C-alpha atoms as a PDB file:
ATOM      1  CA  MET A   1       0.000   0.000   0.000  1.00  0.00           C
ATOM      2  CA  THR A   2       1.142   3.540  -0.758  1.00  0.00           C
ATOM      3  CA  SER A   3       2.844   5.595   1.922  1.00  0.00           C
ATOM      4  CA  LEU A   4       0.483   8.546   1.372  1.00  0.00           C
ATOM      5  CA  ALA A   5      -1.675   9.038   4.466  1.00  0.00           C
ATOM      6  CA  SER A   6      -5.276   7.894   4.074  1.00  0.00           C
ATOM      7  CA  ASP A   7      -6.569  10.930   5.946  1.00  0.00           C
ATOM      8  CA  LYS A   8      -5.358  13.059   3.025  1.00  0.00           C
ATOM      9  CA  ALA A   9      -7.273  11.145   0.344  1.00  0.00           C
ATOM     10  CA  LEU A  10     -10.907  11.403  -0.689  1.00  0.00           C
ATOM     11  CA  VAL A  11     -12.439   8.700  -2.895  1.00  0.00           C
ATOM     12  CA  LEU A  12     -15.327   9.973  -5.011  1.00  0.00           C
ATOM     13  CA  ILE A  13     -17.594   7.662  -7.008  1.00  0.00           C
ATOM     14  CA  PRO A  14     -19.737   9.439  -9.627  1.00  0.00           C
ATOM     15  CA  ALA A  15     -23.027   7.712 -10.452  1.00  0.00           C
ATOM     16  CA  ARG A  16     -25.214   8.875 -13.340  1.00  0.00           C
ATOM     17  CA  MET A  17     -28.605   7.446 -14.222  1.00  0.00           C
ATOM     18  CA  ALA A  18     -28.484   8.570 -17.868  1.00  0.00           C
ATOM     19  CA  SER A  19     -27.278   5.371 -19.550  1.00  0.00           C
ATOM     20  CA  THR A  20     -28.898   4.401 -22.844  1.00  0.00           C
ATOM     21  CA  ARG A  21     -27.392   0.914 -23.152  1.00  0.00           C
ATOM     22  CA  LEU A  22     -28.184  -0.085 -19.565  1.00  0.00           C
ATOM     23  CA  PRO A  23     -31.063   1.974 -18.125  1.00  0.00           C
ATOM     24  CA  ASP A  24     -30.854   2.843 -14.404  1.00  0.00           C
ATOM     25  CA  LYS A  25     -27.341   1.409 -14.409  1.00  0.00           C
ATOM     26  CA  PRO A  26     -26.295   2.390 -10.845  1.00  0.00           C
ATOM     27  CA  LEU A  27     -29.252   0.429  -9.446  1.00  0.00           C
ATOM     28  CA  ALA A  28     -28.705  -2.717 -11.543  1.00  0.00           C
ATOM     29  CA  ASP A  29     -28.706  -5.778  -9.292  1.00  0.00           C
ATOM     30  CA  ILE A  30     -25.415  -7.606  -8.909  1.00  0.00           C
ATOM     31  CA  ASN A  31     -25.720 -10.612  -6.626  1.00  0.00           C
ATOM     32  CA  GLY A  32     -28.266  -8.974  -4.338  1.00  0.00           C
ATOM     33  CA  LEU A  33     -26.816  -5.464  -4.233  1.00  0.00           C
ATOM     34  CA  PRO A  34     -27.175  -2.451  -6.540  1.00  0.00           C
ATOM     35  CA  MET A  35     -24.082  -1.917  -8.680  1.00  0.00           C
ATOM     36  CA  ILE A  36     -23.246   1.408  -7.049  1.00  0.00           C
ATOM     37  CA  ILE A  37     -23.151  -0.310  -3.638  1.00  0.00           C
ATOM     38  CA  GLN A  38     -20.800  -2.979  -4.977  1.00  0.00           C
ATOM     39  CA  VAL A  39     -18.483  -0.213  -6.215  1.00  0.00           C
ATOM     40  CA  ALA A  40     -18.654   1.588  -2.860  1.00  0.00           C
ATOM     41  CA  LYS A  41     -17.771  -1.654  -1.093  1.00  0.00           C
ATOM     42  CA  ARG A  42     -14.710  -2.186  -3.331  1.00  0.00           C
ATOM     43  CA  ALA A  43     -13.569   1.395  -2.741  1.00  0.00           C
ATOM     44  CA  THR A  44     -14.000   1.006   1.013  1.00  0.00           C
ATOM     45  CA  GLU A  45     -12.033  -2.262   0.971  1.00  0.00           C
ATOM     46  CA  ALA A  46      -9.112  -0.374  -0.612  1.00  0.00           C
ATOM     47  CA  ASN A  47      -8.770   1.538   2.681  1.00  0.00           C
ATOM     48  CA  VAL A  48      -7.165   4.589   1.085  1.00  0.00           C
ATOM     49  CA  GLY A  49      -9.444   7.279   2.489  1.00  0.00           C
ATOM     50  CA  ARG A  50     -12.961   8.610   2.962  1.00  0.00           C
ATOM     51  CA  VAL A  51     -15.420   7.272   0.370  1.00  0.00           C
ATOM     52  CA  VAL A  52     -18.299   9.397  -0.972  1.00  0.00           C
ATOM     53  CA  VAL A  53     -20.743   8.608  -3.781  1.00  0.00           C
ATOM     54  CA  ALA A  54     -21.696  11.601  -5.972  1.00  0.00           C
ATOM     55  CA  VAL A  55     -25.151  11.177  -7.516  1.00  0.00           C
ATOM     56  CA  ASP A  56     -27.615  13.135  -9.645  1.00  0.00           C
ATOM     57  CA  ASP A  57     -30.799  11.206  -8.843  1.00  0.00           C
ATOM     58  CA  GLN A  58     -32.804  10.960  -5.620  1.00  0.00           C
ATOM     59  CA  ARG A  59     -33.388   7.216  -6.039  1.00  0.00           C
ATOM     60  CA  VAL A  60     -29.670   6.505  -6.076  1.00  0.00           C
ATOM     61  CA  PHE A  61     -29.107   8.946  -3.217  1.00  0.00           C
ATOM     62  CA  ASP A  62     -31.609   7.056  -1.054  1.00  0.00           C
ATOM     63  CA  VAL A  63     -30.192   3.631  -1.920  1.00  0.00           C
ATOM     64  CA  VAL A  64     -26.631   4.661  -1.084  1.00  0.00           C
ATOM     65  CA  ARG A  65     -27.599   6.344   2.172  1.00  0.00           C
ATOM     66  CA  GLN A  66     -29.714   3.360   3.258  1.00  0.00           C
ATOM     67  CA  ALA A  67     -26.736   1.078   2.620  1.00  0.00           C
ATOM     68  CA  GLY A  68     -24.692   3.140   5.077  1.00  0.00           C
ATOM     69  CA  PHE A  69     -22.364   4.913   2.655  1.00  0.00           C
ATOM     70  CA  GLU A  70     -21.764   8.638   2.473  1.00  0.00           C
ATOM     71  CA  VAL A  71     -23.502  10.289  -0.478  1.00  0.00           C
ATOM     72  CA  VAL A  72     -23.836  13.776  -1.954  1.00  0.00           C
ATOM     73  CA  MET A  73     -26.281  15.165  -4.522  1.00  0.00           C
ATOM     74  CA  THR A  74     -24.716  16.956  -7.498  1.00  0.00           C
ATOM     75  CA  ARG A  75     -26.164  18.787 -10.477  1.00  0.00           C
ATOM     76  CA  ALA A  76     -27.513  16.730 -13.376  1.00  0.00           C
ATOM     77  CA  ASP A  77     -26.153  18.991 -16.120  1.00  0.00           C
ATOM     78  CA  HIS A  78     -22.410  18.397 -15.807  1.00  0.00           C
ATOM     79  CA  GLN A  79     -20.608  17.923 -19.112  1.00  0.00           C
ATOM     80  CA  SER A  80     -17.986  15.546 -17.709  1.00  0.00           C
ATOM     81  CA  GLY A  81     -17.202  13.298 -14.791  1.00  0.00           C
ATOM     82  CA  SER A  82     -14.390  15.575 -13.629  1.00  0.00           C
ATOM     83  CA  ASP A  83     -16.824  18.483 -13.345  1.00  0.00           C
ATOM     84  CA  ARG A  84     -19.133  16.360 -11.178  1.00  0.00           C
ATOM     85  CA  ILE A  85     -16.199  15.282  -9.045  1.00  0.00           C
ATOM     86  CA  PHE A  86     -15.082  18.865  -8.508  1.00  0.00           C
ATOM     87  CA  GLU A  87     -18.557  19.940  -7.406  1.00  0.00           C
ATOM     88  CA  ALA A  88     -18.665  17.004  -4.991  1.00  0.00           C
ATOM     89  CA  VAL A  89     -15.248  17.903  -3.564  1.00  0.00           C
ATOM     90  CA  GLN A  90     -16.442  21.420  -2.796  1.00  0.00           C
ATOM     91  CA  LEU A  91     -19.612  20.115  -1.153  1.00  0.00           C
ATOM     92  CA  VAL A  92     -18.149  17.364   1.033  1.00  0.00           C
ATOM     93  CA  ASP A  93     -14.741  18.885   1.830  1.00  0.00           C
ATOM     94  CA  PRO A  94     -15.208  22.669   1.962  1.00  0.00           C
ATOM     95  CA  ASP A  95     -12.261  23.071   4.336  1.00  0.00           C
ATOM     96  CA  ALA A  96      -9.908  21.441   1.806  1.00  0.00           C
ATOM     97  CA  LYS A  97      -8.609  18.761   4.157  1.00  0.00           C
ATOM     98  CA  ALA A  98      -8.209  16.244   1.326  1.00  0.00           C
ATOM     99  CA  GLU A  99      -5.057  16.681  -0.728  1.00  0.00           C
ATOM    100  CA  PHE A 100      -5.694  13.796  -3.129  1.00  0.00           C
ATOM    101  CA  ILE A 101      -8.946  13.118  -4.984  1.00  0.00           C
ATOM    102  CA  ILE A 102      -9.452   9.580  -6.305  1.00  0.00           C
ATOM    103  CA  ASN A 103     -12.110   9.263  -8.997  1.00  0.00           C
ATOM    104  CA  VAL A 104     -13.433   5.675  -9.104  1.00  0.00           C
ATOM    105  CA  GLN A 105     -16.048   5.277 -11.823  1.00  0.00           C
ATOM    106  CA  GLY A 106     -19.431   4.063 -10.626  1.00  0.00           C
ATOM    107  CA  ASP A 107     -19.604   1.215 -13.153  1.00  0.00           C
ATOM    108  CA  LEU A 108     -16.590  -0.781 -11.893  1.00  0.00           C
ATOM    109  CA  PRO A 109     -18.209  -3.239  -9.444  1.00  0.00           C
ATOM    110  CA  THR A 110     -15.436  -5.829  -9.698  1.00  0.00           C
ATOM    111  CA  ILE A 111     -12.458  -3.488  -9.271  1.00  0.00           C
ATOM    112  CA  GLU A 112      -9.843  -4.936  -6.951  1.00  0.00           C
ATOM    113  CA  PRO A 113      -8.827  -2.887  -3.881  1.00  0.00           C
ATOM    114  CA  GLU A 114      -5.172  -3.148  -4.919  1.00  0.00           C
ATOM    115  CA  VAL A 115      -5.947  -1.365  -8.173  1.00  0.00           C
ATOM    116  CA  VAL A 116      -7.463   1.587  -6.303  1.00  0.00           C
ATOM    117  CA  GLN A 117      -4.444   1.675  -4.001  1.00  0.00           C
ATOM    118  CA  ALA A 118      -2.069   1.689  -6.977  1.00  0.00           C
ATOM    119  CA  SER A 119      -3.565   4.923  -8.291  1.00  0.00           C
ATOM    120  CA  LEU A 120      -2.042   6.876  -5.405  1.00  0.00           C
ATOM    121  CA  LYS A 121       1.520   5.669  -5.833  1.00  0.00           C
ATOM    122  CA  PRO A 122       2.667   8.091  -8.570  1.00  0.00           C
ATOM    123  CA  LEU A 123       1.687  11.062  -6.404  1.00  0.00           C
ATOM    124  CA  GLU A 124       4.464  10.191  -3.975  1.00  0.00           C
ATOM    125  CA  ASN A 125       6.502  12.215  -6.496  1.00  0.00           C
ATOM    126  CA  PRO A 126       5.612  15.871  -5.828  1.00  0.00           C
ATOM    127  CA  ASP A 127       6.161  16.749  -9.493  1.00  0.00           C
ATOM    128  CA  VAL A 128       3.171  14.641 -10.583  1.00  0.00           C
ATOM    129  CA  ASP A 129      -0.168  16.427 -10.969  1.00  0.00           C
ATOM    130  CA  ILE A 130      -2.426  13.507 -11.919  1.00  0.00           C
ATOM    131  CA  ALA A 131      -2.026   9.743 -11.609  1.00  0.00           C
ATOM    132  CA  THR A 132      -3.808   7.052 -13.558  1.00  0.00           C
ATOM    133  CA  LEU A 133      -3.451   3.352 -14.394  1.00  0.00           C
ATOM    134  CA  THR A 134      -2.662   1.054 -17.275  1.00  0.00           C
ATOM    135  CA  VAL A 135      -2.147  -2.616 -18.120  1.00  0.00           C
ATOM    136  CA  GLU A 136      -0.075  -4.147 -20.902  1.00  0.00           C
ATOM    137  CA  ILE A 137      -2.190  -5.312 -23.852  1.00  0.00           C
ATOM    138  CA  THR A 138      -2.008  -9.044 -24.526  1.00  0.00           C
ATOM    139  CA  ASP A 139      -5.055  -9.376 -26.824  1.00  0.00           C
ATOM    140  CA  GLU A 140      -4.100  -8.654 -30.449  1.00  0.00           C
ATOM    141  CA  HIS A 141      -7.612  -7.372 -31.199  1.00  0.00           C
ATOM    142  CA  GLU A 142      -7.292  -4.710 -28.503  1.00  0.00           C
ATOM    143  CA  LYS A 143      -4.156  -3.284 -30.113  1.00  0.00           C
ATOM    144  CA  ALA A 144      -6.147  -2.057 -33.107  1.00  0.00           C
ATOM    145  CA  SER A 145      -9.479  -1.359 -31.417  1.00  0.00           C
ATOM    146  CA  PRO A 146     -10.509   2.323 -31.201  1.00  0.00           C
ATOM    147  CA  HIS A 147     -12.551   1.385 -28.127  1.00  0.00           C
ATOM    148  CA  VAL A 148      -9.348   0.596 -26.222  1.00  0.00           C
ATOM    149  CA  VAL A 149      -7.506   3.775 -25.249  1.00  0.00           C
ATOM    150  CA  LYS A 150      -3.735   3.436 -25.352  1.00  0.00           C
ATOM    151  CA  VAL A 151      -1.191   5.185 -23.163  1.00  0.00           C
ATOM    152  CA  VAL A 152       1.956   6.375 -24.921  1.00  0.00           C
ATOM    153  CA  GLY A 153       4.537   6.961 -22.232  1.00  0.00           C
ATOM    154  CA  SER A 154       8.193   6.970 -21.288  1.00  0.00           C
ATOM    155  CA  PRO A 155       9.110   4.248 -18.777  1.00  0.00           C
ATOM    156  CA  ILE A 156      10.460   5.704 -15.545  1.00  0.00           C
ATOM    157  CA  SER A 157      10.500   2.414 -13.611  1.00  0.00           C
ATOM    158  CA  ASP A 158       9.414  -1.196 -14.060  1.00  0.00           C
ATOM    159  CA  THR A 159       5.888  -0.266 -12.910  1.00  0.00           C
ATOM    160  CA  ARG A 160       5.443   3.302 -14.090  1.00  0.00           C
ATOM    161  CA  LEU A 161       5.243   5.466 -17.198  1.00  0.00           C
ATOM    162  CA  ARG A 162       5.275   9.203 -17.657  1.00  0.00           C
ATOM    163  CA  ALA A 163       2.373   9.875 -20.015  1.00  0.00           C
ATOM    164  CA  LEU A 164       3.202  11.631 -23.267  1.00  0.00           C
ATOM    165  CA  TYR A 165      -0.087  11.009 -25.068  1.00  0.00           C
ATOM    166  CA  PHE A 166      -3.341   9.038 -24.999  1.00  0.00           C
ATOM    167  CA  THR A 167      -4.917   7.774 -28.214  1.00  0.00           C
ATOM    168  CA  ARG A 168      -7.511   5.433 -29.676  1.00  0.00           C
ATOM    169  CA  THR A 169      -5.202   4.358 -32.467  1.00  0.00           C
ATOM    170  CA  THR A 170      -2.400   1.766 -32.282  1.00  0.00           C
ATOM    171  CA  ALA A 171       0.602   3.545 -30.777  1.00  0.00           C
ATOM    172  CA  PRO A 172       3.502   3.797 -30.439  1.00  0.00           C
ATOM    173  CA  TYR A 173       4.801   2.305 -33.675  1.00  0.00           C
ATOM    174  CA  GLY A 174       7.409  -0.457 -33.703  1.00  0.00           C
ATOM    175  CA  ASP A 175       8.352  -3.328 -31.436  1.00  0.00           C
ATOM    176  CA  GLY A 176       7.514  -3.191 -27.752  1.00  0.00           C
ATOM    177  CA  PRO A 177       4.554  -3.296 -25.399  1.00  0.00           C
ATOM    178  CA  LEU A 178       1.295  -1.412 -25.887  1.00  0.00           C
ATOM    179  CA  TYR A 179      -0.683  -0.247 -22.865  1.00  0.00           C
ATOM    180  CA  HIS A 180      -4.433  -0.194 -22.276  1.00  0.00           C
ATOM    181  CA  HIS A 181      -5.454   2.877 -20.274  1.00  0.00           C
ATOM    182  CA  ILE A 182      -7.695   2.355 -17.223  1.00  0.00           C
ATOM    183  CA  GLY A 183      -9.900   5.388 -16.625  1.00  0.00           C
ATOM    184  CA  LEU A 184      -9.343   5.769 -12.907  1.00  0.00           C
ATOM    185  CA  TYR A 185      -7.695   9.051 -11.909  1.00  0.00           C
ATOM    186  CA  THR A 186      -6.132  10.457  -8.763  1.00  0.00           C
ATOM    187  CA  TYR A 187      -5.657  14.217  -8.717  1.00  0.00           C
ATOM    188  CA  ARG A 188      -3.829  16.586  -6.479  1.00  0.00           C
ATOM    189  CA  ARG A 189      -6.590  18.895  -5.339  1.00  0.00           C
ATOM    190  CA  ALA A 190      -5.002  21.935  -7.000  1.00  0.00           C
ATOM    191  CA  ALA A 191      -4.572  19.976 -10.232  1.00  0.00           C
ATOM    192  CA  LEU A 192      -8.261  19.046 -10.310  1.00  0.00           C
ATOM    193  CA  GLU A 193      -9.235  22.665  -9.713  1.00  0.00           C
ATOM    194  CA  ARG A 194      -6.969  23.810 -12.535  1.00  0.00           C
ATOM    195  CA  PHE A 195      -8.158  21.074 -14.855  1.00  0.00           C
ATOM    196  CA  VAL A 196     -11.872  21.877 -14.578  1.00  0.00           C
ATOM    197  CA  SER A 197     -11.171  25.597 -14.988  1.00  0.00           C
ATOM    198  CA  MET A 198      -9.754  25.036 -18.496  1.00  0.00           C
ATOM    199  CA  LYS A 199     -11.754  24.782 -21.698  1.00  0.00           C
ATOM    200  CA  PRO A 200     -11.675  21.527 -23.681  1.00  0.00           C
ATOM    201  CA  SER A 201      -8.475  21.396 -25.726  1.00  0.00           C
ATOM    202  CA  VAL A 202      -7.953  20.746 -29.421  1.00  0.00           C
ATOM    203  CA  LEU A 203      -6.601  17.203 -29.068  1.00  0.00           C
ATOM    204  CA  GLU A 204      -9.115  16.370 -26.342  1.00  0.00           C
ATOM    205  CA  GLN A 205     -11.951  17.160 -28.730  1.00  0.00           C
ATOM    206  CA  ARG A 206     -10.322  15.334 -31.614  1.00  0.00           C
ATOM    207  CA  GLU A 207      -9.572  12.094 -29.722  1.00  0.00           C
ATOM    208  CA  LYS A 208     -12.598  12.424 -27.385  1.00  0.00           C
ATOM    209  CA  LEU A 209     -10.227  11.919 -24.439  1.00  0.00           C
ATOM    210  CA  GLU A 210     -10.525  14.383 -21.574  1.00  0.00           C
ATOM    211  CA  GLN A 211      -7.081  13.681 -20.113  1.00  0.00           C
ATOM    212  CA  LEU A 212      -5.401  15.233 -23.145  1.00  0.00           C
ATOM    213  CA  ARG A 213      -6.517  18.636 -21.863  1.00  0.00           C
ATOM    214  CA  ALA A 214      -4.120  18.232 -18.958  1.00  0.00           C
ATOM    215  CA  LEU A 215      -1.192  17.160 -21.134  1.00  0.00           C
ATOM    216  CA  GLU A 216      -1.761  20.000 -23.584  1.00  0.00           C
ATOM    217  CA  ALA A 217      -1.680  22.428 -20.653  1.00  0.00           C
ATOM    218  CA  GLY A 218       1.701  21.064 -19.523  1.00  0.00           C
ATOM    219  CA  MET A 219       0.396  19.104 -16.529  1.00  0.00           C
ATOM    220  CA  ARG A 220       2.253  15.923 -15.619  1.00  0.00           C
ATOM    221  CA  ILE A 221       0.409  12.602 -15.643  1.00  0.00           C
ATOM    222  CA  ASP A 222       2.207   9.480 -14.416  1.00  0.00           C
ATOM    223  CA  VAL A 223       0.730   6.052 -15.018  1.00  0.00           C
ATOM    224  CA  GLU A 224       1.048   3.044 -12.708  1.00  0.00           C
ATOM    225  CA  ILE A 225       1.176  -0.334 -14.449  1.00  0.00           C
ATOM    226  CA  VAL A 226      -1.179  -2.918 -12.902  1.00  0.00           C
ATOM    227  CA  HIS A 227      -2.021  -6.488 -13.880  1.00  0.00           C
ATOM    228  CA  SER A 228      -5.722  -6.441 -14.755  1.00  0.00           C
ATOM    229  CA  VAL A 229      -8.306  -4.178 -16.374  1.00  0.00           C
ATOM    230  CA  PRO A 230     -11.414  -3.775 -14.193  1.00  0.00           C
ATOM    231  CA  LEU A 231     -14.649  -4.637 -15.961  1.00  0.00           C
ATOM    232  CA  GLY A 232     -16.652  -1.565 -16.915  1.00  0.00           C
ATOM    233  CA  VAL A 233     -20.362  -2.393 -16.975  1.00  0.00           C
ATOM    234  CA  ASP A 234     -22.055  -0.734 -19.958  1.00  0.00           C
ATOM    235  CA  THR A 235     -24.352  -3.439 -21.356  1.00  0.00           C
ATOM    236  CA  PRO A 236     -26.543  -6.303 -20.114  1.00  0.00           C
ATOM    237  CA  ALA A 237     -23.781  -8.714 -21.177  1.00  0.00           C
ATOM    238  CA  ASP A 238     -21.260  -6.819 -19.033  1.00  0.00           C
ATOM    239  CA  LEU A 239     -23.698  -7.024 -16.134  1.00  0.00           C
ATOM    240  CA  GLU A 240     -23.813 -10.813 -16.416  1.00  0.00           C
ATOM    241  CA  LYS A 241     -19.996 -10.948 -16.467  1.00  0.00           C
ATOM    242  CA  ALA A 242     -19.815  -8.836 -13.306  1.00  0.00           C
ATOM    243  CA  ARG A 243     -22.276 -11.120 -11.541  1.00  0.00           C
ATOM    244  CA  ALA A 244     -20.192 -14.159 -12.457  1.00  0.00           C
ATOM    245  CA  ILE A 245     -16.916 -12.551 -11.363  1.00  0.00           C
ATOM    246  CA  LEU A 246     -18.237 -11.523  -7.952  1.00  0.00           C
ATOM    247  CA  ALA A 247     -19.975 -14.862  -7.470  1.00  0.00           C
ATOM    248  CA  GLY A 248     -16.638 -16.561  -8.068  1.00  0.00           C
ATOM    249  CA  ARG A 249     -14.896 -14.418  -5.475  1.00  0.00           C
ATOM    250  CA  THR A 250     -17.381 -15.358  -2.766  1.00  0.00           C
ATOM    251  CA  LYS A 251     -17.018 -19.102  -3.259  1.00  0.00           C
END
C-alpha cells in the first residue's frame, strides 16, 4: 500500500442514471446489491481514504444512504465526470482537508482494492499532478481497437510510465509493449481545480479523451502499471460478467 496518508485522500464515485445501453445502471442488481453499492464496497475495501458517492438522482441517493455509505447530490447537467467530481469535492470537503482526490467510476463493481491503491503511488513524487493506471495489452484485437484507449509513455521504472499522449489508435509504432489505459484518476486537489477551470483542448476534442486537456496544458500525468483491467459495466452482457466474477470471489 502507498505511503500517502489515508486521511489526506478522498475517494469519489460518480453515479449517473443517464445510460442508454443499460437503463438505471447504478441500481442494476449484482448478486443482491445495486451496482453502485458494490463499487462503494470495493472502494471502502481499498482503505485509502474517505469514500463518498456523488449522484444526480434521488433514487440513487436514497439507496446509497440506506446502505450506510456517504452520499452527496450533485447537479444533473455536468458535461464531464471531472466536473461532477469537482462539485462534490467542494460540497463534502469545503475546508480542503483532502489533498488527493481519487475518482473511481461508478460502473466498476469488480475493481480490486489493490488497483485503487495503486492509483495513489505516482503522487508520492511531488512533481506529478495527476495519476492514472494502465495494463499491458495481450489481446491482439485490442491493439487495433478504437474502443481501447492506449497510453503512450516513457518508462520511468518497471511499474510506471510518464504519459506523453493518450490515443484510440495503435501507438507507439514499432516493437515493444502497448498499454491499455484504465480510466481511474487520482488528482492533487489543486490539479483538479486547474483542470476543470480550463476549456476543452484541441486534441481532447479530436480524440474524445478528456485527459489530453491536462497534457496540452503542460500538466504531468504518471501512469502506474497494474495487472488487470477492471470490468466496466455498460451493457446487459457486461452485467452478467460482473455477476459471475463476484460470485466466483465469494465461493
